[in-house]
Amino acid sequence: MKVAVLGAAGGIGQALALLLKTQLPSGSELSLYDIAPVTPGVAVDLSHIPTDVKIKGFSGEDATPALEGAM
């Protein structure tokens, strides 16, 4: 299962991403997107949480890569 969080660099988006990182089933993918250039850094920070959820951050004007295959 792949879940995308749009607006992931904001306060609510970061909190939601943290919750999803710790609660999604093993083997899930978490895709973070925001126009802010710090979004990949948010993903790196959350990647240090020891779960089997893969996480990747995307930034820029085009959200398409973050949304591919997401529910």
N, C-alpha and C. Protein backbone atom coordinates (compact mmCIF):
# COMPACT_ATOMS: atom_id res chain seq x y z
N MET A 1 0.84 -1.16 0.00
CA MET A 1 0.00 0.00 0.00
C MET A 1 0.89 1.23 0.00
N LYS A 2 0.54 2.20 -0.83
CA LYS A 2 1.28 3.46 -0.87
C LYS A 2 0.33 4.58 -0.49
N VAL A 3 0.76 5.39 0.47
CA VAL A 3 -0.03 6.52 0.94
C VAL A 3 0.77 7.79 0.68
N ALA A 4 0.10 8.81 0.14
CA ALA A 4 0.75 10.10 -0.12
C ALA A 4 0.20 11.15 0.83
N VAL A 5 1.09 11.97 1.37
CA VAL A 5 0.71 13.11 2.20
C VAL A 5 1.08 14.37 1.43
N LEU A 6 0.07 15.17 1.10
CA LEU A 6 0.31 16.43 0.41
C LEU A 6 0.33 17.54 1.44
N GLY A 7 1.28 18.44 1.32
CA GLY A 7 1.47 19.48 2.33
C GLY A 7 2.28 18.96 3.50
N ALA A 8 3.20 18.06 3.21
CA ALA A 8 3.94 17.34 4.25
C ALA A 8 4.98 18.16 4.98
N ALA A 9 5.32 19.35 4.49
CA ALA A 9 6.34 20.16 5.16
C ALA A 9 5.74 21.06 6.24
N GLY A 10 4.43 21.19 6.25
CA GLY A 10 3.77 22.02 7.26
C GLY A 10 3.62 21.28 8.59
N GLY A 11 3.17 21.99 9.59
CA GLY A 11 3.03 21.42 10.93
C GLY A 11 2.08 20.23 10.97
N ILE A 12 0.92 20.34 10.35
CA ILE A 12 -0.04 19.24 10.35
C ILE A 12 0.47 18.10 9.48
N GLY A 13 1.05 18.41 8.33
CA GLY A 13 1.58 17.37 7.44
C GLY A 13 2.69 16.57 8.09
N GLN A 14 3.58 17.23 8.82
CA GLN A 14 4.67 16.52 9.50
C GLN A 14 4.13 15.61 10.59
N ALA A 15 3.15 16.10 11.36
CA ALA A 15 2.56 15.28 12.42
C ALA A 15 1.84 14.07 11.82
N LEU A 16 1.11 14.28 10.72
CA LEU A 16 0.42 13.19 10.06
C LEU A 16 1.41 12.17 9.51
N ALA A 17 2.49 12.65 8.91
CA ALA A 17 3.51 11.75 8.37
C ALA A 17 4.14 10.91 9.47
N LEU A 18 4.40 11.51 10.62
CA LEU A 18 4.94 10.77 11.77
C LEU A 18 3.97 9.69 12.21
N LEU A 19 2.69 10.03 12.32
CA LEU A 19 1.68 9.05 12.71
C LEU A 19 1.61 7.90 11.71
N LEU A 20 1.59 8.23 10.42
CA LEU A 20 1.52 7.19 9.40
C LEU A 20 2.77 6.32 9.39
N LYS A 21 3.93 6.92 9.58
CA LYS A 21 5.18 6.16 9.59
C LYS A 21 5.17 5.09 10.68
N THR A 22 4.55 5.40 11.81
CA THR A 22 4.54 4.46 12.93
C THR A 22 3.34 3.52 12.91
N GLN A 23 2.30 3.82 12.11
CA GLN A 23 1.08 3.02 12.17
C GLN A 23 0.74 2.24 10.90
N LEU A 24 1.36 2.57 9.77
CA LEU A 24 1.07 1.82 8.54
C LEU A 24 1.61 0.40 8.66
N PRO A 25 0.97 -0.54 7.97
CA PRO A 25 1.45 -1.93 8.01
C PRO A 25 2.84 -2.07 7.39
N SER A 26 3.57 -3.08 7.83
CA SER A 26 4.90 -3.36 7.28
C SER A 26 4.83 -3.52 5.77
N GLY A 27 5.83 -3.00 5.09
CA GLY A 27 5.88 -3.10 3.64
C GLY A 27 5.18 -1.96 2.92
N SER A 28 4.54 -1.07 3.65
CA SER A 28 3.86 0.06 3.03
C SER A 28 4.88 1.09 2.57
N GLU A 29 4.41 1.99 1.72
CA GLU A 29 5.23 3.10 1.25
C GLU A 29 4.55 4.41 1.63
N LEU A 30 5.32 5.35 2.13
CA LEU A 30 4.81 6.66 2.51
C LEU A 30 5.50 7.70 1.64
N SER A 31 4.71 8.44 0.89
CA SER A 31 5.23 9.44 -0.03
C SER A 31 4.85 10.82 0.48
N LEU A 32 5.86 11.66 0.72
CA LEU A 32 5.62 13.01 1.22
C LEU A 32 5.83 14.03 0.11
N TYR A 33 4.87 14.97 -0.03
CA TYR A 33 5.00 15.99 -1.06
C TYR A 33 4.64 17.36 -0.49
N ASP A 34 5.39 18.36 -0.90
CA ASP A 34 5.08 19.76 -0.61
C ASP A 34 5.87 20.60 -1.61
N ILE A 35 5.42 21.82 -1.82
CA ILE A 35 6.18 22.71 -2.71
C ILE A 35 7.44 23.22 -2.03
N ALA A 36 7.49 23.12 -0.71
CA ALA A 36 8.67 23.58 0.05
C ALA A 36 9.87 22.68 -0.24
N PRO A 37 11.04 23.27 -0.42
CA PRO A 37 12.23 22.47 -0.75
C PRO A 37 12.75 21.62 0.40
N VAL A 38 12.20 21.78 1.60
CA VAL A 38 12.68 21.00 2.75
C VAL A 38 12.00 19.63 2.87
N THR A 39 11.05 19.34 2.01
CA THR A 39 10.27 18.10 2.13
C THR A 39 11.13 16.84 2.10
N PRO A 40 12.12 16.71 1.21
CA PRO A 40 12.98 15.52 1.27
C PRO A 40 13.69 15.38 2.62
N GLY A 41 14.02 16.49 3.26
CA GLY A 41 14.65 16.45 4.58
C GLY A 41 13.70 15.92 5.65
N VAL A 42 12.42 16.25 5.54
CA VAL A 42 11.42 15.71 6.47
C VAL A 42 11.38 14.19 6.33
N ALA A 43 11.43 13.72 5.09
CA ALA A 43 11.42 12.27 4.84
C ALA A 43 12.66 11.61 5.43
N VAL A 44 13.81 12.24 5.30
CA VAL A 44 15.05 11.69 5.86
C VAL A 44 14.94 11.60 7.38
N ASP A 45 14.42 12.65 8.01
CA ASP A 45 14.25 12.63 9.46
C ASP A 45 13.36 11.47 9.90
N LEU A 46 12.25 11.28 9.21
CA LEU A 46 11.32 10.21 9.58
C LEU A 46 11.86 8.83 9.23
N SER A 47 12.78 8.76 8.30
CA SER A 47 13.34 7.45 7.91
C SER A 47 14.16 6.83 9.03
N HIS A 48 14.55 7.63 10.01
CA HIS A 48 15.34 7.11 11.12
C HIS A 48 14.48 6.36 12.15
N ILE A 49 13.17 6.46 12.01
CA ILE A 49 12.27 5.71 12.90
C ILE A 49 12.29 4.25 12.43
N PRO A 50 12.61 3.32 13.32
CA PRO A 50 12.78 1.92 12.90
C PRO A 50 11.46 1.19 12.63
N THR A 51 10.94 1.34 11.41
CA THR A 51 9.76 0.60 10.97
C THR A 51 10.06 0.04 9.58
N ASP A 52 9.18 -0.84 9.10
CA ASP A 52 9.33 -1.40 7.76
C ASP A 52 8.54 -0.61 6.72
N VAL A 53 8.25 0.64 7.02
CA VAL A 53 7.56 1.53 6.08
C VAL A 53 8.61 2.33 5.33
N LYS A 54 8.60 2.22 4.00
CA LYS A 54 9.54 2.98 3.17
C LYS A 54 8.99 4.40 3.00
N ILE A 55 9.87 5.38 3.07
CA ILE A 55 9.43 6.77 2.99
C ILE A 55 10.31 7.53 2.00
N LYS A 56 9.65 8.42 1.22
CA LYS A 56 10.38 9.22 0.25
C LYS A 56 9.73 10.59 0.17
N GLY A 57 10.55 11.62 0.05
CA GLY A 57 10.05 12.99 -0.01
C GLY A 57 10.20 13.60 -1.39
N PHE A 58 9.21 14.37 -1.80
CA PHE A 58 9.20 15.04 -3.10
C PHE A 58 8.86 16.51 -2.89
N SER A 59 9.48 17.38 -3.68
CA SER A 59 9.15 18.80 -3.61
C SER A 59 9.11 19.36 -5.02
N GLY A 60 8.62 20.59 -5.13
CA GLY A 60 8.54 21.25 -6.43
C GLY A 60 7.11 21.46 -6.87
N GLU A 61 6.95 21.88 -8.09
CA GLU A 61 5.63 22.21 -8.62
C GLU A 61 4.82 21.00 -9.06
N ASP A 62 5.47 19.90 -9.39
CA ASP A 62 4.78 18.73 -9.94
C ASP A 62 4.68 17.62 -8.90
N ALA A 63 3.46 17.32 -8.49
CA ALA A 63 3.22 16.29 -7.47
C ALA A 63 3.10 14.90 -8.08
N THR A 64 3.11 14.78 -9.39
CA THR A 64 2.88 13.49 -10.05
C THR A 64 3.77 12.37 -9.55
N PRO A 65 5.08 12.55 -9.42
CA PRO A 65 5.92 11.44 -8.94
C PRO A 65 5.52 10.95 -7.54
N ALA A 66 5.08 11.84 -6.69
CA ALA A 66 4.68 11.47 -5.34
C ALA A 66 3.36 10.70 -5.33
N LEU A 67 2.52 10.96 -6.30
CA LEU A 67 1.19 10.36 -6.32
C LEU A 67 1.10 9.05 -7.09
N GLU A 68 2.11 8.71 -7.87
CA GLU A 68 2.05 7.49 -8.68
C GLU A 68 1.90 6.26 -7.79
N GLY A 69 0.80 5.53 -7.99
CA GLY A 69 0.54 4.31 -7.25
C GLY A 69 -0.03 4.51 -5.86
N ALA A 70 -0.32 5.76 -5.49
CA ALA A 70 -0.85 6.03 -4.15
C ALA A 70 -2.36 5.81 -4.10
N MET A 71 -2.83 5.56 -2.89
CA MET A 71 -4.27 5.36 -2.70
C MET A 71 -4.95 6.70 -2.51
